[in-house]
Amino acid sequence: MSTNSAGGMEKKDSGVGDDAEVQLDCSAVMADIWLMLDGECAPEAKARLQQHLDSCQPCLAHYGIESELKALIGRKCGGDAAPDGLRDRLRIQIRQQTTIITRTDPQQ
C-alpha cells in the first residue's frame, strides 16, 4: 500500500488493470480530519472522507475525539469580545497619526 501526494489515495490492486479500487489510507484521513472539521475540504474530498469514516471504526472514533476537542476549544476560547471603547480609541489614533515622506533621491 502506498500513499500518493494527491489526497492520500492509494490504489488497491483488484487484479483488473484500470478497474483498480481506490481507497483512502487511514493516515491520510487522520491528517485531513481538521480540514473537514473546519469546512475547508472540497466537496469531493469531504465525500471521500465521510465514506471512509462510515466504514472505518478507528478513524470514526478519532474523528469524534477531534470534533469534541474542536467544540471544547470553541467554548473555552471563542467569543472573547474586545473591551468597550477599543474601536473608538483605535480610530482616534489612526486619525492622529502623521505620515512623513522623505525623499532619498537628491534630484527630486
Protein backbone atom coordinates (compact mmCIF):
# COMPACT_ATOMS: atom_id res chain seq x y z
CA MET A 1 0.00 0.00 0.00
CA SER A 2 1.24 3.46 -0.83
CA THR A 3 0.00 6.96 -0.34
CA ASN A 4 0.45 9.42 -3.16
CA SER A 5 0.64 13.18 -2.88
CA ALA A 6 -2.89 13.71 -4.22
CA GLY A 7 -5.11 13.48 -1.20
CA GLY A 8 -3.78 10.33 0.43
CA MET A 9 -5.24 8.00 -2.14
CA GLU A 10 -3.90 4.52 -2.54
CA LYS A 11 -4.57 2.03 -5.31
CA LYS A 12 -5.68 -1.34 -4.11
CA ASP A 13 -4.94 -3.93 -6.76
CA SER A 14 -8.04 -5.93 -7.55
CA GLY A 15 -6.31 -7.91 -10.25
CA VAL A 16 -8.03 -5.94 -13.02
CA GLY A 17 -5.87 -3.38 -14.85
CA ASP A 18 -7.63 0.02 -14.93
CA ASP A 19 -10.51 -1.03 -12.68
CA ALA A 20 -8.37 -0.93 -9.52
CA GLU A 21 -10.35 0.19 -6.48
CA VAL A 22 -9.21 3.48 -4.98
CA GLN A 23 -9.45 3.84 -1.20
CA LEU A 24 -8.28 6.36 1.34
CA ASP A 25 -5.37 5.47 3.57
CA CYS A 26 -6.20 5.84 7.30
CA SER A 27 -3.15 8.04 7.86
CA ALA A 28 -4.37 10.42 5.13
CA VAL A 29 -7.81 10.53 6.76
CA MET A 30 -6.24 11.34 10.14
CA ALA A 31 -4.26 14.16 8.53
CA ASP A 32 -7.32 15.62 6.79
CA ILE A 33 -9.85 15.41 9.64
CA TRP A 34 -9.18 19.00 10.74
CA LEU A 35 -9.73 20.23 7.18
CA MET A 36 -13.09 18.54 7.23
CA LEU A 37 -13.97 19.86 10.71
CA ASP A 38 -13.02 23.39 9.66
CA GLY A 39 -15.11 23.16 6.48
CA GLU A 40 -12.04 23.61 4.29
CA CYS A 41 -12.41 20.41 2.23
CA ALA A 42 -13.56 20.38 -1.35
CA PRO A 43 -16.95 18.63 -1.64
CA GLU A 44 -15.37 15.62 -3.39
CA ALA A 45 -12.70 15.23 -0.70
CA LYS A 46 -15.33 15.59 2.05
CA ALA A 47 -17.43 12.87 0.43
CA ARG A 48 -14.42 10.52 0.24
CA LEU A 49 -13.50 11.24 3.87
CA GLN A 50 -17.09 10.70 5.02
CA GLN A 51 -17.29 7.44 3.09
CA HIS A 52 -14.10 6.23 4.77
CA LEU A 53 -15.32 7.32 8.22
CA ASP A 54 -18.59 5.44 7.67
CA SER A 55 -16.69 2.21 7.08
CA CYS A 56 -13.67 2.55 9.43
CA GLN A 57 -14.40 2.47 13.17
CA PRO A 58 -10.90 3.58 14.34
CA CYS A 59 -10.97 6.63 12.05
CA LEU A 60 -14.54 7.43 13.10
CA ALA A 61 -13.50 7.29 16.76
CA HIS A 62 -10.56 9.61 16.05
CA TYR A 63 -12.89 11.97 14.17
CA GLY A 64 -15.24 12.02 17.16
CA ILE A 65 -12.39 12.90 19.54
CA GLU A 66 -11.16 15.69 17.26
CA SER A 67 -14.69 17.01 16.83
CA GLU A 68 -15.18 17.15 20.61
CA LEU A 69 -11.79 18.85 21.01
CA LYS A 70 -12.72 21.49 18.44
CA ALA A 71 -16.03 22.11 20.22
CA LEU A 72 -14.27 22.41 23.59
CA ILE A 73 -11.74 24.88 22.21
CA GLY A 74 -14.58 26.89 20.69
CA ARG A 75 -16.43 27.01 24.00
CA LYS A 76 -13.42 27.89 26.12
CA CYS A 77 -11.51 30.20 23.77
CA GLY A 78 -14.13 31.68 21.50
CA GLY A 79 -16.40 34.61 21.95
CA ASP A 80 -13.98 36.95 23.69
CA ALA A 81 -15.11 40.47 22.94
CA ALA A 82 -12.78 43.43 22.68
CA PRO A 83 -13.03 45.90 25.57
CA ASP A 84 -15.57 48.70 25.23
CA GLY A 85 -14.14 51.76 23.54
CA LEU A 86 -11.27 49.94 21.80
CA ARG A 87 -12.66 50.66 18.34
CA ASP A 88 -13.04 54.37 19.13
CA ARG A 89 -9.53 54.61 20.60
CA LEU A 90 -8.06 52.93 17.52
CA ARG A 91 -9.91 55.28 15.16
CA ILE A 92 -8.62 58.32 17.07
CA GLN A 93 -5.05 57.02 16.97
CA ILE A 94 -5.26 56.32 13.25
CA ARG A 95 -6.57 59.81 12.55
CA GLN A 96 -3.86 61.40 14.67
CA GLN A 97 -1.02 59.50 13.07
CA THR A 98 1.03 61.61 10.67
CA THR A 99 2.84 60.11 7.74
CA ILE A 100 6.17 61.72 6.85
CA ILE A 101 7.58 61.04 3.42
CA THR A 102 11.27 61.64 2.98
CA ARG A 103 12.94 61.64 -0.38
CA THR A 104 16.25 59.89 -0.75
CA ASP A 105 16.88 60.92 -4.36
CA PRO A 106 18.67 64.34 -4.29
CA GLN A 107 17.40 65.24 -7.81
CA GLN A 108 13.76 65.40 -6.73
